[in-house]
PDB file of all heavy atoms in Angstrom:
ATOM      1  N   ARG A   1     -28.436 -62.092  36.589  1.00  0.00           N
ATOM      2  CA  ARG A   1     -28.965 -63.455  36.736  1.00  0.00           C
ATOM      3  C   ARG A   1     -28.222 -64.200  37.740  1.00  0.00           C
ATOM      4  O   ARG A   1     -27.052 -63.908  38.146  1.00  0.00           O
ATOM      5  CB  ARG A   1     -29.065 -64.190  35.361  1.00  0.00           C
ATOM      6  CG  ARG A   1     -27.653 -64.252  34.757  1.00  0.00           C
ATOM      7  CD  ARG A   1     -27.802 -64.546  33.172  1.00  0.00           C
ATOM      8  NE  ARG A   1     -26.648 -64.574  32.451  1.00  0.00           N
ATOM      9  CZ  ARG A   1     -26.061 -63.497  31.884  1.00  0.00           C
ATOM     10  NH1 ARG A   1     -26.625 -62.324  32.100  1.00  0.00           N
ATOM     11  NH2 ARG A   1     -25.073 -63.600  31.080  1.00  0.00           N
ATOM     12  N   ALA A   2     -28.759 -65.273  38.366  1.00  0.00           N
ATOM     13  CA  ALA A   2     -28.220 -65.982  39.374  1.00  0.00           C
ATOM     14  C   ALA A   2     -26.981 -66.724  38.907  1.00  0.00           C
ATOM     15  O   ALA A   2     -26.934 -67.295  37.797  1.00  0.00           O
ATOM     16  CB  ALA A   2     -29.229 -66.968  39.971  1.00  0.00           C
ATOM     17  N   TYR A   3     -25.907 -66.735  39.780  1.00  0.00           N
ATOM     18  CA  TYR A   3     -24.768 -67.628  39.462  1.00  0.00           C
ATOM     19  C   TYR A   3     -25.212 -69.099  39.432  1.00  0.00           C
ATOM     20  O   TYR A   3     -25.879 -69.484  40.361  1.00  0.00           O
ATOM     21  CB  TYR A   3     -23.744 -67.391  40.556  1.00  0.00           C
ATOM     22  CG  TYR A   3     -22.432 -68.108  40.273  1.00  0.00           C
ATOM     23  CD1 TYR A   3     -21.349 -67.327  39.862  1.00  0.00           C
ATOM     24  CD2 TYR A   3     -22.331 -69.490  40.392  1.00  0.00           C
ATOM     25  CE1 TYR A   3     -20.103 -68.009  39.567  1.00  0.00           C
ATOM     26  CE2 TYR A   3     -21.056 -70.097  40.143  1.00  0.00           C
ATOM     27  CZ  TYR A   3     -20.073 -69.302  39.750  1.00  0.00           C
ATOM     28  OH  TYR A   3     -18.790 -69.998  39.448  1.00  0.00           O
ATOM     29  N   GLN A   4     -24.876 -69.753  38.366  1.00  0.00           N
ATOM     30  CA  GLN A   4     -25.240 -71.193  38.285  1.00  0.00           C
ATOM     31  C   GLN A   4     -23.951 -72.007  38.240  1.00  0.00           C
ATOM     32  O   GLN A   4     -23.214 -71.903  37.278  1.00  0.00           O
ATOM     33  CB  GLN A   4     -26.046 -71.410  36.970  1.00  0.00           C
ATOM     34  CG  GLN A   4     -27.350 -70.739  37.100  1.00  0.00           C
ATOM     35  CD  GLN A   4     -28.307 -71.053  35.894  1.00  0.00           C
ATOM     36  OE1 GLN A   4     -27.951 -71.662  34.953  1.00  0.00           O
ATOM     37  NE2 GLN A   4     -29.623 -70.751  36.007  1.00  0.00           N
ATOM     38  N   ALA A   5     -23.751 -72.735  39.302  1.00  0.00           N
ATOM     39  CA  ALA A   5     -22.656 -73.679  39.308  1.00  0.00           C
ATOM     40  C   ALA A   5     -23.027 -74.982  38.768  1.00  0.00           C
ATOM     41  O   ALA A   5     -24.191 -75.457  38.912  1.00  0.00           O
ATOM     42  CB  ALA A   5     -22.250 -73.937  40.866  1.00  0.00           C
ATOM     43  N   ILE A   6     -22.117 -75.681  38.096  1.00  0.00           N
ATOM     44  CA  ILE A   6     -22.425 -76.845  37.450  1.00  0.00           C
ATOM     45  C   ILE A   6     -22.574 -78.094  38.425  1.00  0.00           C
ATOM     46  O   ILE A   6     -21.940 -78.023  39.560  1.00  0.00           O
ATOM     47  CB  ILE A   6     -21.331 -77.278  36.449  1.00  0.00           C
ATOM     48  CG1 ILE A   6     -21.775 -78.456  35.573  1.00  0.00           C
ATOM     49  CG2 ILE A   6     -19.973 -77.741  37.098  1.00  0.00           C
ATOM     50  CD1 ILE A   6     -20.980 -78.656  34.363  1.00  0.00           C
ATOM     51  N   ASP A   7     -23.405 -78.913  38.282  1.00  0.00           N
ATOM     52  CA  ASP A   7     -23.541 -80.198  39.105  1.00  0.00           C
ATOM     53  C   ASP A   7     -22.372 -81.083  38.707  1.00  0.00           C
ATOM     54  O   ASP A   7     -22.232 -81.577  37.562  1.00  0.00           O
ATOM     55  CB  ASP A   7     -24.899 -80.865  38.712  1.00  0.00           C
ATOM     56  CG  ASP A   7     -25.174 -82.166  39.506  1.00  0.00           C
ATOM     57  OD1 ASP A   7     -24.245 -82.481  40.216  1.00  0.00           O
ATOM     58  OD2 ASP A   7     -26.270 -82.711  39.370  1.00  0.00           O
ATOM     59  N   PRO A   8     -21.564 -81.316  39.684  1.00  0.00           N
ATOM     60  CA  PRO A   8     -20.346 -82.209  39.388  1.00  0.00           C
ATOM     61  C   PRO A   8     -20.699 -83.557  38.874  1.00  0.00           C
ATOM     62  O   PRO A   8     -19.908 -84.217  38.193  1.00  0.00           O
ATOM     63  CB  PRO A   8     -19.613 -82.288  40.699  1.00  0.00           C
ATOM     64  CG  PRO A   8     -20.101 -81.139  41.502  1.00  0.00           C
ATOM     65  CD  PRO A   8     -21.414 -80.850  41.105  1.00  0.00           C
ATOM     66  N   THR A   9     -21.886 -84.119  39.066  1.00  0.00           N
ATOM     67  CA  THR A   9     -22.279 -85.439  38.613  1.00  0.00           C
ATOM     68  C   THR A   9     -22.370 -85.470  37.068  1.00  0.00           C
ATOM     69  O   THR A   9     -22.337 -86.458  36.545  1.00  0.00           O
ATOM     70  CB  THR A   9     -23.458 -85.919  39.236  1.00  0.00           C
ATOM     71  OG1 THR A   9     -24.576 -85.081  38.939  1.00  0.00           O
ATOM     72  CG2 THR A   9     -23.369 -86.062  40.812  1.00  0.00           C
ATOM     73  N   ARG A  10     -22.572 -84.232  36.548  1.00  0.00           N
ATOM     74  CA  ARG A  10     -22.695 -84.173  35.114  1.00  0.00           C
ATOM     75  C   ARG A  10     -21.355 -84.266  34.322  1.00  0.00           C
ATOM     76  O   ARG A  10     -21.304 -84.277  33.179  1.00  0.00           O
ATOM     77  CB  ARG A  10     -23.344 -82.764  34.667  1.00  0.00           C
ATOM     78  CG  ARG A  10     -24.803 -82.714  35.143  1.00  0.00           C
ATOM     79  CD  ARG A  10     -25.340 -81.363  34.794  1.00  0.00           C
ATOM     80  NE  ARG A  10     -25.126 -80.984  33.490  1.00  0.00           N
ATOM     81  CZ  ARG A  10     -25.135 -79.692  33.053  1.00  0.00           C
ATOM     82  NH1 ARG A  10     -25.427 -78.681  33.833  1.00  0.00           N
ATOM     83  NH2 ARG A  10     -24.858 -79.388  31.759  1.00  0.00           N
ATOM     84  N   LEU A  11     -20.141 -84.159  35.149  1.00  0.00           N
ATOM     85  CA  LEU A  11     -18.934 -84.135  34.475  1.00  0.00           C
ATOM     86  C   LEU A  11     -18.255 -85.515  34.198  1.00  0.00           C
ATOM     87  O   LEU A  11     -17.256 -85.658  33.656  1.00  0.00           O
ATOM     88  CB  LEU A  11     -17.992 -83.411  35.476  1.00  0.00           C
ATOM     89  CG  LEU A  11     -18.348 -81.924  35.763  1.00  0.00           C
ATOM     90  CD1 LEU A  11     -17.331 -81.252  36.614  1.00  0.00           C
ATOM     91  CD2 LEU A  11     -18.481 -81.029  34.341  1.00  0.00           C
ATOM     92  N   SER A  12     -18.910 -86.590  34.638  1.00  0.00           N
ATOM     93  CA  SER A  12     -18.662 -87.947  34.233  1.00  0.00           C
ATOM     94  C   SER A  12     -17.125 -88.289  34.562  1.00  0.00           C
ATOM     95  O   SER A  12     -16.415 -88.988  33.780  1.00  0.00           O
ATOM     96  CB  SER A  12     -18.883 -88.147  32.670  1.00  0.00           C
ATOM     97  OG  SER A  12     -20.176 -87.878  32.381  1.00  0.00           O
ATOM     98  N   LEU A  13     -16.865 -87.976  35.792  1.00  0.00           N
ATOM     99  CA  LEU A  13     -15.448 -88.344  36.312  1.00  0.00           C
ATOM    100  C   LEU A  13     -15.434 -89.358  37.454  1.00  0.00           C
ATOM    101  O   LEU A  13     -14.438 -89.758  38.016  1.00  0.00           O
ATOM    102  CB  LEU A  13     -14.760 -87.075  36.803  1.00  0.00           C
ATOM    103  CG  LEU A  13     -14.445 -86.021  35.724  1.00  0.00           C
ATOM    104  CD1 LEU A  13     -13.648 -84.882  36.411  1.00  0.00           C
ATOM    105  CD2 LEU A  13     -13.647 -86.589  34.517  1.00  0.00           C
ATOM    106  N   ALA A  14     -16.631 -89.866  37.732  1.00  0.00           N
ATOM    107  CA  ALA A  14     -16.735 -90.823  38.804  1.00  0.00           C
ATOM    108  C   ALA A  14     -16.283 -92.246  38.350  1.00  0.00           C
ATOM    109  O   ALA A  14     -16.342 -92.601  37.132  1.00  0.00           O
ATOM    110  CB  ALA A  14     -18.095 -90.919  39.368  1.00  0.00           C
ATOM    111  N   GLY A  15     -15.907 -93.137  39.314  1.00  0.00           N
ATOM    112  CA  GLY A  15     -15.666 -94.489  38.920  1.00  0.00           C
ATOM    113  C   GLY A  15     -14.231 -94.844  38.680  1.00  0.00           C
ATOM    114  O   GLY A  15     -13.946 -96.018  38.465  1.00  0.00           O
ATOM    115  N   TYR A  16     -13.378 -93.854  38.811  1.00  0.00           N
ATOM    116  CA  TYR A  16     -11.945 -94.199  38.660  1.00  0.00           C
ATOM    117  C   TYR A  16     -11.308 -94.348  39.934  1.00  0.00           C
ATOM    118  O   TYR A  16     -11.623 -93.616  40.969  1.00  0.00           O
ATOM    119  CB  TYR A  16     -11.199 -93.009  37.847  1.00  0.00           C
ATOM    120  CG  TYR A  16     -11.708 -92.881  36.318  1.00  0.00           C
ATOM    121  CD1 TYR A  16     -12.765 -91.977  36.120  1.00  0.00           C
ATOM    122  CD2 TYR A  16     -11.139 -93.603  35.414  1.00  0.00           C
ATOM    123  CE1 TYR A  16     -13.154 -91.862  34.795  1.00  0.00           C
ATOM    124  CE2 TYR A  16     -11.641 -93.504  34.215  1.00  0.00           C
ATOM    125  CZ  TYR A  16     -12.599 -92.640  33.879  1.00  0.00           C
ATOM    126  OH  TYR A  16     -13.097 -92.495  32.461  1.00  0.00           O
ATOM    127  N   ASP A  17     -10.361 -95.244  40.049  1.00  0.00           N
ATOM    128  CA  ASP A  17      -9.730 -95.574  41.312  1.00  0.00           C
ATOM    129  C   ASP A  17      -8.753 -94.437  41.683  1.00  0.00           C
ATOM    130  O   ASP A  17      -8.459 -94.276  42.927  1.00  0.00           O
ATOM    131  CB  ASP A  17      -8.829 -96.906  41.249  1.00  0.00           C
ATOM    132  CG  ASP A  17      -9.766 -98.143  41.041  1.00  0.00           C
ATOM    133  OD1 ASP A  17     -10.889 -98.052  41.512  1.00  0.00           O
ATOM    134  OD2 ASP A  17      -9.261 -99.066  40.525  1.00  0.00           O
ATOM    135  N   ASP A  18      -8.311 -93.705  40.827  1.00  0.00           N
ATOM    136  CA  ASP A  18      -7.280 -92.607  41.092  1.00  0.00           C
ATOM    137  C   ASP A  18      -7.537 -91.456  40.082  1.00  0.00           C
ATOM    138  O   ASP A  18      -7.894 -91.668  38.933  1.00  0.00           O
ATOM    139  CB  ASP A  18      -5.868 -93.174  40.931  1.00  0.00           C
ATOM    140  CG  ASP A  18      -4.787 -92.115  41.251  1.00  0.00           C
ATOM    141  OD1 ASP A  18      -4.471 -92.040  42.422  1.00  0.00           O
ATOM    142  OD2 ASP A  18      -4.348 -91.454  40.286  1.00  0.00           O
ATOM    143  N   PHE A  19      -7.216 -90.204  40.592  1.00  0.00           N
ATOM    144  CA  PHE A  19      -7.418 -89.167  39.614  1.00  0.00           C
ATOM    145  C   PHE A  19      -6.568 -89.186  38.335  1.00  0.00           C
ATOM    146  O   PHE A  19      -7.026 -88.807  37.249  1.00  0.00           O
ATOM    147  CB  PHE A  19      -7.170 -87.813  40.333  1.00  0.00           C
ATOM    148  CG  PHE A  19      -7.605 -86.549  39.679  1.00  0.00           C
ATOM    149  CD1 PHE A  19      -8.946 -85.987  39.803  1.00  0.00           C
ATOM    150  CD2 PHE A  19      -6.755 -85.773  38.788  1.00  0.00           C
ATOM    151  CE1 PHE A  19      -9.274 -84.893  39.138  1.00  0.00           C
ATOM    152  CE2 PHE A  19      -7.185 -84.739  38.139  1.00  0.00           C
ATOM    153  CZ  PHE A  19      -8.374 -84.224  38.308  1.00  0.00           C
ATOM    154  N   HIS A  20      -5.404 -89.776  38.543  1.00  0.00           N
ATOM    155  CA  HIS A  20      -4.550 -89.851  37.395  1.00  0.00           C
ATOM    156  C   HIS A  20      -4.885 -91.031  36.451  1.00  0.00           C
ATOM    157  O   HIS A  20      -4.313 -91.087  35.320  1.00  0.00           O
ATOM    158  CB  HIS A  20      -3.147 -90.142  37.911  1.00  0.00           C
ATOM    159  CG  HIS A  20      -2.695 -88.914  38.749  1.00  0.00           C
ATOM    160  ND1 HIS A  20      -2.219 -87.780  38.282  1.00  0.00           N
ATOM    161  CD2 HIS A  20      -2.563 -88.902  40.110  1.00  0.00           C
ATOM    162  CE1 HIS A  20      -1.866 -86.945  39.314  1.00  0.00           C
ATOM    163  NE2 HIS A  20      -2.058 -87.554  40.497  1.00  0.00           N
ATOM    164  N   ALA A  21      -5.903 -91.791  36.751  1.00  0.00           N
ATOM    165  CA  ALA A  21      -6.446 -92.816  35.864  1.00  0.00           C
ATOM    166  C   ALA A  21      -7.490 -92.221  34.921  1.00  0.00           C
ATOM    167  O   ALA A  21      -7.852 -92.900  33.914  1.00  0.00           O
ATOM    168  CB  ALA A  21      -6.958 -93.899  36.657  1.00  0.00           C
ATOM    169  N   ILE A  22      -7.855 -91.009  35.201  1.00  0.00           N
ATOM    170  CA  ILE A  22      -8.864 -90.386  34.290  1.00  0.00           C
ATOM    171  C   ILE A  22      -8.207 -90.133  32.899  1.00  0.00           C
ATOM    172  O   ILE A  22      -7.177 -89.414  32.929  1.00  0.00           O
ATOM    173  CB  ILE A  22      -9.387 -89.096  34.895  1.00  0.00           C
ATOM    174  CG1 ILE A  22     -10.061 -89.309  36.237  1.00  0.00           C
ATOM    175  CG2 ILE A  22     -10.400 -88.361  33.865  1.00  0.00           C
ATOM    176  CD1 ILE A  22     -10.486 -88.139  36.915  1.00  0.00           C
ATOM    177  N   PRO A  23      -8.786 -90.468  31.809  1.00  0.00           N
ATOM    178  CA  PRO A  23      -8.149 -90.193  30.553  1.00  0.00           C
ATOM    179  C   PRO A  23      -8.133 -88.850  30.223  1.00  0.00           C
ATOM    180  O   PRO A  23      -8.937 -87.987  30.685  1.00  0.00           O
ATOM    181  CB  PRO A  23      -9.101 -90.985  29.572  1.00  0.00           C
ATOM    182  CG  PRO A  23      -9.804 -92.003  30.366  1.00  0.00           C
ATOM    183  CD  PRO A  23      -9.933 -91.436  31.718  1.00  0.00           C
ATOM    184  N   ASP A  24      -7.174 -88.286  29.429  1.00  0.00           N
ATOM    185  CA  ASP A  24      -7.059 -86.887  29.189  1.00  0.00           C
ATOM    186  C   ASP A  24      -8.297 -86.350  28.503  1.00  0.00           C
ATOM    187  O   ASP A  24      -8.771 -85.255  28.808  1.00  0.00           O
ATOM    188  CB  ASP A  24      -5.906 -86.668  28.152  1.00  0.00           C
ATOM    189  CG  ASP A  24      -4.494 -86.651  28.877  1.00  0.00           C
ATOM    190  OD1 ASP A  24      -4.516 -86.657  30.160  1.00  0.00           O
ATOM    191  OD2 ASP A  24      -3.518 -86.703  28.242  1.00  0.00           O
ATOM    192  N   ALA A  25      -8.881 -87.107  27.565  1.00  0.00           N
ATOM    193  CA  ALA A  25     -10.074 -86.738  26.887  1.00  0.00           C
ATOM    194  C   ALA A  25     -11.283 -86.488  27.881  1.00  0.00           C
ATOM    195  O   ALA A  25     -12.001 -85.503  27.628  1.00  0.00           O
ATOM    196  CB  ALA A  25     -10.524 -87.693  25.830  1.00  0.00           C
ATOM    197  N   SER A  26     -11.453 -87.336  28.860  1.00  0.00           N
ATOM    198  CA  SER A  26     -12.430 -87.158  29.837  1.00  0.00           C
ATOM    199  C   SER A  26     -12.262 -85.909  30.722  1.00  0.00           C
ATOM    200  O   SER A  26     -13.142 -85.255  31.036  1.00  0.00           O
ATOM    201  CB  SER A  26     -12.561 -88.446  30.676  1.00  0.00           C
ATOM    202  OG  SER A  26     -12.953 -89.569  29.846  1.00  0.00           O
TER     203      SER A  26
END
């Protein structure tokens, strides 16, 4: 079957000013 890459927009990591501001749980 075809390799299926995830759509990054589904990961809900947008909107943070800095990568290190992303909560561990997210």
